[in-house]
Amino acid sequence: MPAERDIGLWAWRAYCGAVGDADGEVELSVRVVTKDEIRELNRDYRGKDRTTNVLSFPAGIVAGLPADAVRTLGDVVICADVVAEEAAQQGKAVENHWAHMLVHGVLHLLGFDHVTDAEAGRMEGLEKQVLAAHGVPDPYRAR
Protein backbone atom coordinates (compact mmCIF):
# COMPACT_ATOMS: atom_id res chain seq x y z
CA MET A 1 0.00 0.00 0.00
CA PRO A 2 1.35 3.46 -0.81
CA ALA A 3 2.15 6.00 1.87
CA GLU A 4 -0.60 8.46 2.82
CA ARG A 5 1.41 11.25 1.20
CA ASP A 6 1.52 9.38 -2.12
CA ILE A 7 -2.23 8.70 -2.00
CA GLY A 8 -2.87 12.42 -1.50
CA LEU A 9 -0.44 13.33 -4.26
CA TRP A 10 -2.12 11.08 -6.84
CA ALA A 11 -5.57 12.30 -5.84
CA TRP A 12 -4.37 15.91 -6.26
CA ARG A 13 -2.79 15.13 -9.63
CA ALA A 14 -6.05 13.60 -10.85
CA TYR A 15 -8.04 16.60 -9.65
CA CYS A 16 -5.72 19.13 -11.28
CA GLY A 17 -5.57 17.06 -14.46
CA ALA A 18 -9.34 17.17 -14.73
CA VAL A 19 -10.12 20.72 -13.63
CA GLY A 20 -6.84 22.57 -14.19
CA ASP A 21 -5.16 24.49 -11.42
CA ALA A 22 -7.25 24.31 -8.28
CA ASP A 23 -8.58 27.65 -7.10
CA GLY A 24 -9.67 26.51 -3.65
CA GLU A 25 -9.41 23.70 -1.19
CA VAL A 26 -10.86 20.30 -1.90
CA GLU A 27 -11.13 17.21 0.22
CA LEU A 28 -11.98 13.58 -0.26
CA SER A 29 -11.60 10.45 1.74
CA VAL A 30 -9.72 7.38 0.61
CA ARG A 31 -10.47 4.15 2.40
CA VAL A 32 -8.56 0.91 1.95
CA VAL A 33 -10.69 -2.17 2.53
CA THR A 34 -10.69 -5.97 2.40
CA LYS A 35 -12.13 -8.08 -0.40
CA ASP A 36 -15.17 -8.88 1.71
CA GLU A 37 -15.90 -5.22 2.37
CA ILE A 38 -15.51 -4.06 -1.22
CA ARG A 39 -17.69 -6.92 -2.40
CA GLU A 40 -20.37 -5.90 0.11
CA LEU A 41 -20.19 -2.25 -0.97
CA ASN A 42 -20.28 -3.22 -4.65
CA ARG A 43 -23.32 -5.43 -4.01
CA ASP A 44 -25.19 -2.93 -1.83
CA TYR A 45 -24.55 0.21 -3.91
CA ARG A 46 -24.10 -1.08 -7.44
CA GLY A 47 -26.00 -4.38 -7.41
CA LYS A 48 -22.86 -6.30 -8.42
CA ASP A 49 -22.06 -9.15 -6.02
CA ARG A 50 -18.34 -9.41 -6.75
CA THR A 51 -15.07 -7.88 -5.68
CA THR A 52 -13.66 -4.92 -7.55
CA ASN A 53 -10.55 -2.77 -7.34
CA VAL A 54 -12.00 0.70 -6.71
CA LEU A 55 -15.37 2.28 -5.96
CA SER A 56 -16.21 5.98 -5.91
CA PHE A 57 -19.02 7.70 -4.04
CA PRO A 58 -19.40 11.35 -5.13
CA ALA A 59 -20.55 13.79 -2.46
CA GLY A 60 -22.49 16.01 -4.83
CA ILE A 61 -23.07 19.73 -4.50
CA VAL A 62 -24.07 21.02 -1.09
CA ALA A 63 -26.34 24.03 -1.45
CA GLY A 64 -25.92 27.07 0.76
CA LEU A 65 -22.23 26.78 1.56
CA PRO A 66 -20.09 29.92 1.44
CA ALA A 67 -18.20 30.41 -1.82
CA ASP A 68 -14.86 29.88 -0.07
CA ALA A 69 -15.90 26.63 1.67
CA VAL A 70 -13.79 23.53 1.14
CA ARG A 71 -15.24 21.47 -1.72
CA THR A 72 -15.88 17.86 -0.65
CA LEU A 73 -15.53 15.49 -3.59
CA GLY A 74 -16.64 12.26 -1.90
CA ASP A 75 -15.13 8.89 -1.05
CA VAL A 76 -12.79 6.57 -2.94
CA VAL A 77 -12.69 2.98 -1.67
CA ILE A 78 -9.84 0.74 -2.80
CA CYS A 79 -9.20 -2.94 -2.15
CA ALA A 80 -5.46 -3.38 -1.60
CA ASP A 81 -5.56 -7.14 -2.23
CA VAL A 82 -7.35 -6.76 -5.57
CA VAL A 83 -4.96 -4.00 -6.68
CA ALA A 84 -1.94 -6.17 -5.80
CA GLU A 85 -3.42 -9.22 -7.56
CA GLU A 86 -4.28 -7.26 -10.70
CA ALA A 87 -0.82 -5.68 -10.84
CA ALA A 88 0.77 -9.12 -10.69
CA GLN A 89 -1.61 -10.59 -13.30
CA GLN A 90 -1.05 -7.65 -15.65
CA GLY A 91 2.72 -7.46 -15.16
CA LYS A 92 2.56 -3.94 -13.74
CA ALA A 93 4.44 -2.38 -10.86
CA VAL A 94 2.01 -2.36 -7.94
CA GLU A 95 2.85 1.31 -7.24
CA ASN A 96 1.81 2.22 -10.79
CA HIS A 97 -1.45 0.30 -10.48
CA TRP A 98 -2.20 2.09 -7.20
CA ALA A 99 -1.60 5.41 -8.95
CA HIS A 100 -3.98 4.37 -11.72
CA MET A 101 -6.71 3.29 -9.29
CA LEU A 102 -6.45 6.56 -7.37
CA VAL A 103 -6.62 8.65 -10.53
CA HIS A 104 -9.50 6.52 -11.82
CA GLY A 105 -11.43 6.84 -8.57
CA VAL A 106 -11.00 10.61 -8.32
CA LEU A 107 -12.10 11.10 -11.92
CA HIS A 108 -15.30 9.22 -11.11
CA LEU A 109 -15.86 11.66 -8.22
CA LEU A 110 -15.55 14.48 -10.75
CA GLY A 111 -18.24 13.00 -13.00
CA PHE A 112 -16.17 11.03 -15.49
CA ASP A 113 -17.42 7.58 -16.47
CA HIS A 114 -16.74 4.76 -18.90
CA VAL A 115 -20.20 3.38 -19.67
CA THR A 116 -20.12 4.30 -23.36
CA ASP A 117 -17.16 4.05 -25.71
CA ALA A 118 -17.01 7.84 -26.00
CA GLU A 119 -17.00 8.28 -22.20
CA ALA A 120 -14.38 5.56 -21.81
CA GLY A 121 -12.16 7.16 -24.43
CA ARG A 122 -12.35 10.54 -22.70
CA MET A 123 -11.75 9.14 -19.21
CA GLU A 124 -8.97 6.75 -20.23
CA GLY A 125 -7.28 9.50 -22.22
CA LEU A 126 -7.23 11.76 -19.18
CA GLU A 127 -5.98 8.93 -16.96
CA LYS A 128 -3.13 8.21 -19.36
CA GLN A 129 -2.27 11.92 -19.58
CA VAL A 130 -2.16 12.42 -15.79
CA LEU A 131 -0.18 9.23 -15.20
CA ALA A 132 2.29 9.84 -18.05
CA ALA A 133 3.00 13.36 -16.81
CA HIS A 134 4.29 11.73 -13.63
CA GLY A 135 6.21 8.80 -15.07
CA VAL A 136 3.60 6.04 -15.02
CA PRO A 137 3.24 4.03 -18.24
CA ASP A 138 -0.05 3.67 -20.09
CA PRO A 139 -2.16 1.38 -17.87
CA TYR A 140 -4.23 0.22 -20.85
CA ARG A 141 -1.32 -0.84 -23.05
CA ALA A 142 -1.44 -4.57 -23.78
CA ARG A 143 1.38 -6.56 -22.22
C-alpha atoms as a PDB file:
ATOM      1  CA  MET A   1       0.000   0.000   0.000  1.00  0.00           C
ATOM      2  CA  PRO A   2       1.346   3.455  -0.812  1.00  0.00           C
ATOM      3  CA  ALA A   3       2.147   6.002   1.868  1.00  0.00           C
ATOM      4  CA  GLU A   4      -0.600   8.456   2.825  1.00  0.00           C
ATOM      5  CA  ARG A   5       1.412  11.254   1.204  1.00  0.00           C
ATOM      6  CA  ASP A   6       1.515   9.376  -2.115  1.00  0.00           C
ATOM      7  CA  ILE A   7      -2.227   8.705  -1.996  1.00  0.00           C
ATOM      8  CA  GLY A   8      -2.869  12.422  -1.500  1.00  0.00           C
ATOM      9  CA  LEU A   9      -0.444  13.329  -4.259  1.00  0.00           C
ATOM     10  CA  TRP A  10      -2.120  11.077  -6.838  1.00  0.00           C
ATOM     11  CA  ALA A  11      -5.572  12.303  -5.837  1.00  0.00           C
ATOM     12  CA  TRP A  12      -4.375  15.907  -6.263  1.00  0.00           C
ATOM     13  CA  ARG A  13      -2.794  15.133  -9.629  1.00  0.00           C
ATOM     14  CA  ALA A  14      -6.052  13.598 -10.851  1.00  0.00           C
ATOM     15  CA  TYR A  15      -8.038  16.595  -9.647  1.00  0.00           C
ATOM     16  CA  CYS A  16      -5.716  19.126 -11.277  1.00  0.00           C
ATOM     17  CA  GLY A  17      -5.568  17.057 -14.460  1.00  0.00           C
ATOM     18  CA  ALA A  18      -9.337  17.167 -14.727  1.00  0.00           C
ATOM     19  CA  VAL A  19     -10.115  20.723 -13.628  1.00  0.00           C
ATOM     20  CA  GLY A  20      -6.845  22.567 -14.185  1.00  0.00           C
ATOM     21  CA  ASP A  21      -5.163  24.491 -11.419  1.00  0.00           C
ATOM     22  CA  ALA A  22      -7.249  24.307  -8.277  1.00  0.00           C
ATOM     23  CA  ASP A  23      -8.577  27.646  -7.099  1.00  0.00           C
ATOM     24  CA  GLY A  24      -9.674  26.514  -3.654  1.00  0.00           C
ATOM     25  CA  GLU A  25      -9.406  23.703  -1.185  1.00  0.00           C
ATOM     26  CA  VAL A  26     -10.860  20.300  -1.903  1.00  0.00           C
ATOM     27  CA  GLU A  27     -11.128  17.207   0.218  1.00  0.00           C
ATOM     28  CA  LEU A  28     -11.985  13.585  -0.256  1.00  0.00           C
ATOM     29  CA  SER A  29     -11.601  10.448   1.739  1.00  0.00           C
ATOM     30  CA  VAL A  30      -9.718   7.375   0.613  1.00  0.00           C
ATOM     31  CA  ARG A  31     -10.474   4.149   2.402  1.00  0.00           C
ATOM     32  CA  VAL A  32      -8.558   0.907   1.948  1.00  0.00           C
ATOM     33  CA  VAL A  33     -10.692  -2.175   2.535  1.00  0.00           C
ATOM     34  CA  THR A  34     -10.694  -5.971   2.403  1.00  0.00           C
ATOM     35  CA  LYS A  35     -12.130  -8.077  -0.402  1.00  0.00           C
ATOM     36  CA  ASP A  36     -15.168  -8.881   1.709  1.00  0.00           C
ATOM     37  CA  GLU A  37     -15.904  -5.219   2.372  1.00  0.00           C
ATOM     38  CA  ILE A  38     -15.508  -4.057  -1.215  1.00  0.00           C
ATOM     39  CA  ARG A  39     -17.689  -6.925  -2.397  1.00  0.00           C
ATOM     40  CA  GLU A  40     -20.369  -5.905   0.106  1.00  0.00           C
ATOM     41  CA  LEU A  41     -20.189  -2.248  -0.972  1.00  0.00           C
ATOM     42  CA  ASN A  42     -20.281  -3.216  -4.652  1.00  0.00           C
ATOM     43  CA  ARG A  43     -23.316  -5.427  -4.006  1.00  0.00           C
ATOM     44  CA  ASP A  44     -25.191  -2.929  -1.835  1.00  0.00           C
ATOM     45  CA  TYR A  45     -24.553   0.213  -3.906  1.00  0.00           C
ATOM     46  CA  ARG A  46     -24.099  -1.084  -7.440  1.00  0.00           C
ATOM     47  CA  GLY A  47     -26.004  -4.384  -7.413  1.00  0.00           C
ATOM     48  CA  LYS A  48     -22.856  -6.299  -8.424  1.00  0.00           C
ATOM     49  CA  ASP A  49     -22.064  -9.149  -6.025  1.00  0.00           C
ATOM     50  CA  ARG A  50     -18.337  -9.412  -6.753  1.00  0.00           C
ATOM     51  CA  THR A  51     -15.066  -7.882  -5.683  1.00  0.00           C
ATOM     52  CA  THR A  52     -13.655  -4.923  -7.548  1.00  0.00           C
ATOM     53  CA  ASN A  53     -10.552  -2.769  -7.344  1.00  0.00           C
ATOM     54  CA  VAL A  54     -12.005   0.698  -6.709  1.00  0.00           C
ATOM     55  CA  LEU A  55     -15.367   2.284  -5.960  1.00  0.00           C
ATOM     56  CA  SER A  56     -16.213   5.982  -5.907  1.00  0.00           C
ATOM     57  CA  PHE A  57     -19.025   7.701  -4.038  1.00  0.00           C
ATOM     58  CA  PRO A  58     -19.404  11.350  -5.131  1.00  0.00           C
ATOM     59  CA  ALA A  59     -20.545  13.789  -2.463  1.00  0.00           C
ATOM     60  CA  GLY A  60     -22.487  16.009  -4.829  1.00  0.00           C
ATOM     61  CA  ILE A  61     -23.069  19.729  -4.502  1.00  0.00           C
ATOM     62  CA  VAL A  62     -24.068  21.019  -1.088  1.00  0.00           C
ATOM     63  CA  ALA A  63     -26.341  24.029  -1.447  1.00  0.00           C
ATOM     64  CA  GLY A  64     -25.920  27.065   0.759  1.00  0.00           C
ATOM     65  CA  LEU A  65     -22.227  26.777   1.563  1.00  0.00           C
ATOM     66  CA  PRO A  66     -20.093  29.921   1.442  1.00  0.00           C
ATOM     67  CA  ALA A  67     -18.199  30.408  -1.822  1.00  0.00           C
ATOM     68  CA  ASP A  68     -14.856  29.876  -0.069  1.00  0.00           C
ATOM     69  CA  ALA A  69     -15.897  26.627   1.668  1.00  0.00           C
ATOM     70  CA  VAL A  70     -13.790  23.527   1.136  1.00  0.00           C
ATOM     71  CA  ARG A  71     -15.237  21.467  -1.721  1.00  0.00           C
ATOM     72  CA  THR A  72     -15.879  17.864  -0.653  1.00  0.00           C
ATOM     73  CA  LEU A  73     -15.532  15.490  -3.589  1.00  0.00           C
ATOM     74  CA  GLY A  74     -16.636  12.263  -1.901  1.00  0.00           C
ATOM     75  CA  ASP A  75     -15.125   8.888  -1.054  1.00  0.00           C
ATOM     76  CA  VAL A  76     -12.790   6.574  -2.939  1.00  0.00           C
ATOM     77  CA  VAL A  77     -12.694   2.982  -1.665  1.00  0.00           C
ATOM     78  CA  ILE A  78      -9.840   0.744  -2.795  1.00  0.00           C
ATOM     79  CA  CYS A  79      -9.205  -2.937  -2.150  1.00  0.00           C
ATOM     80  CA  ALA A  80      -5.459  -3.381  -1.604  1.00  0.00           C
ATOM     81  CA  ASP A  81      -5.564  -7.137  -2.227  1.00  0.00           C
ATOM     82  CA  VAL A  82      -7.350  -6.764  -5.567  1.00  0.00           C
ATOM     83  CA  VAL A  83      -4.956  -4.002  -6.677  1.00  0.00           C
ATOM     84  CA  ALA A  84      -1.945  -6.174  -5.796  1.00  0.00           C
ATOM     85  CA  GLU A  85      -3.418  -9.221  -7.562  1.00  0.00           C
ATOM     86  CA  GLU A  86      -4.276  -7.256 -10.698  1.00  0.00           C
ATOM     87  CA  ALA A  87      -0.820  -5.680 -10.838  1.00  0.00           C
ATOM     88  CA  ALA A  88       0.774  -9.125 -10.690  1.00  0.00           C
ATOM     89  CA  GLN A  89      -1.606 -10.587 -13.300  1.00  0.00           C
ATOM     90  CA  GLN A  90      -1.055  -7.653 -15.653  1.00  0.00           C
ATOM     91  CA  GLY A  91       2.723  -7.462 -15.158  1.00  0.00           C
ATOM     92  CA  LYS A  92       2.562  -3.938 -13.737  1.00  0.00           C
ATOM     93  CA  ALA A  93       4.440  -2.376 -10.859  1.00  0.00           C
ATOM     94  CA  VAL A  94       2.011  -2.361  -7.941  1.00  0.00           C
ATOM     95  CA  GLU A  95       2.848   1.306  -7.243  1.00  0.00           C
ATOM     96  CA  ASN A  96       1.806   2.223 -10.785  1.00  0.00           C
ATOM     97  CA  HIS A  97      -1.449   0.296 -10.484  1.00  0.00           C
ATOM     98  CA  TRP A  98      -2.202   2.087  -7.197  1.00  0.00           C
ATOM     99  CA  ALA A  99      -1.601   5.414  -8.948  1.00  0.00           C
ATOM    100  CA  HIS A 100      -3.979   4.373 -11.721  1.00  0.00           C
ATOM    101  CA  MET A 101      -6.709   3.288  -9.295  1.00  0.00           C
ATOM    102  CA  LEU A 102      -6.450   6.563  -7.365  1.00  0.00           C
ATOM    103  CA  VAL A 103      -6.620   8.650 -10.530  1.00  0.00           C
ATOM    104  CA  HIS A 104      -9.502   6.516 -11.823  1.00  0.00           C
ATOM    105  CA  GLY A 105     -11.434   6.839  -8.567  1.00  0.00           C
ATOM    106  CA  VAL A 106     -11.001  10.609  -8.322  1.00  0.00           C
ATOM    107  CA  LEU A 107     -12.095  11.096 -11.923  1.00  0.00           C
ATOM    108  CA  HIS A 108     -15.299   9.216 -11.106  1.00  0.00           C
ATOM    109  CA  LEU A 109     -15.857  11.657  -8.222  1.00  0.00           C
ATOM    110  CA  LEU A 110     -15.548  14.480 -10.752  1.00  0.00           C
ATOM    111  CA  GLY A 111     -18.236  13.004 -13.002  1.00  0.00           C
ATOM    112  CA  PHE A 112     -16.167  11.030 -15.490  1.00  0.00           C
ATOM    113  CA  ASP A 113     -17.421   7.582 -16.465  1.00  0.00           C
ATOM    114  CA  HIS A 114     -16.739   4.757 -18.899  1.00  0.00           C
ATOM    115  CA  VAL A 115     -20.197   3.377 -19.675  1.00  0.00           C
ATOM    116  CA  THR A 116     -20.118   4.296 -23.362  1.00  0.00           C
ATOM    117  CA  ASP A 117     -17.156   4.045 -25.706  1.00  0.00           C
ATOM    118  CA  ALA A 118     -17.011   7.841 -25.996  1.00  0.00           C
ATOM    119  CA  GLU A 119     -16.998   8.276 -22.202  1.00  0.00           C
ATOM    120  CA  ALA A 120     -14.379   5.557 -21.813  1.00  0.00           C
ATOM    121  CA  GLY A 121     -12.162   7.164 -24.428  1.00  0.00           C
ATOM    122  CA  ARG A 122     -12.346  10.537 -22.702  1.00  0.00           C
ATOM    123  CA  MET A 123     -11.754   9.139 -19.207  1.00  0.00           C
ATOM    124  CA  GLU A 124      -8.969   6.753 -20.225  1.00  0.00           C
ATOM    125  CA  GLY A 125      -7.277   9.503 -22.218  1.00  0.00           C
ATOM    126  CA  LEU A 126      -7.232  11.758 -19.183  1.00  0.00           C
ATOM    127  CA  GLU A 127      -5.984   8.930 -16.958  1.00  0.00           C
ATOM    128  CA  LYS A 128      -3.127   8.214 -19.360  1.00  0.00           C
ATOM    129  CA  GLN A 129      -2.273  11.919 -19.582  1.00  0.00           C
ATOM    130  CA  VAL A 130      -2.158  12.418 -15.787  1.00  0.00           C
ATOM    131  CA  LEU A 131      -0.183   9.227 -15.202  1.00  0.00           C
ATOM    132  CA  ALA A 132       2.291   9.839 -18.054  1.00  0.00           C
ATOM    133  CA  ALA A 133       2.998  13.358 -16.808  1.00  0.00           C
ATOM    134  CA  HIS A 134       4.286  11.730 -13.627  1.00  0.00           C
ATOM    135  CA  GLY A 135       6.209   8.805 -15.072  1.00  0.00           C
ATOM    136  CA  VAL A 136       3.598   6.044 -15.017  1.00  0.00           C
ATOM    137  CA  PRO A 137       3.245   4.030 -18.245  1.00  0.00           C
ATOM    138  CA  ASP A 138      -0.052   3.670 -20.094  1.00  0.00           C
ATOM    139  CA  PRO A 139      -2.163   1.380 -17.872  1.00  0.00           C
ATOM    140  CA  TYR A 140      -4.232   0.221 -20.855  1.00  0.00           C
ATOM    141  CA  ARG A 141      -1.321  -0.844 -23.046  1.00  0.00           C
ATOM    142  CA  ALA A 142      -1.445  -4.572 -23.780  1.00  0.00           C
ATOM    143  CA  ARG A 143       1.375  -6.558 -22.221  1.00  0.00           C
END
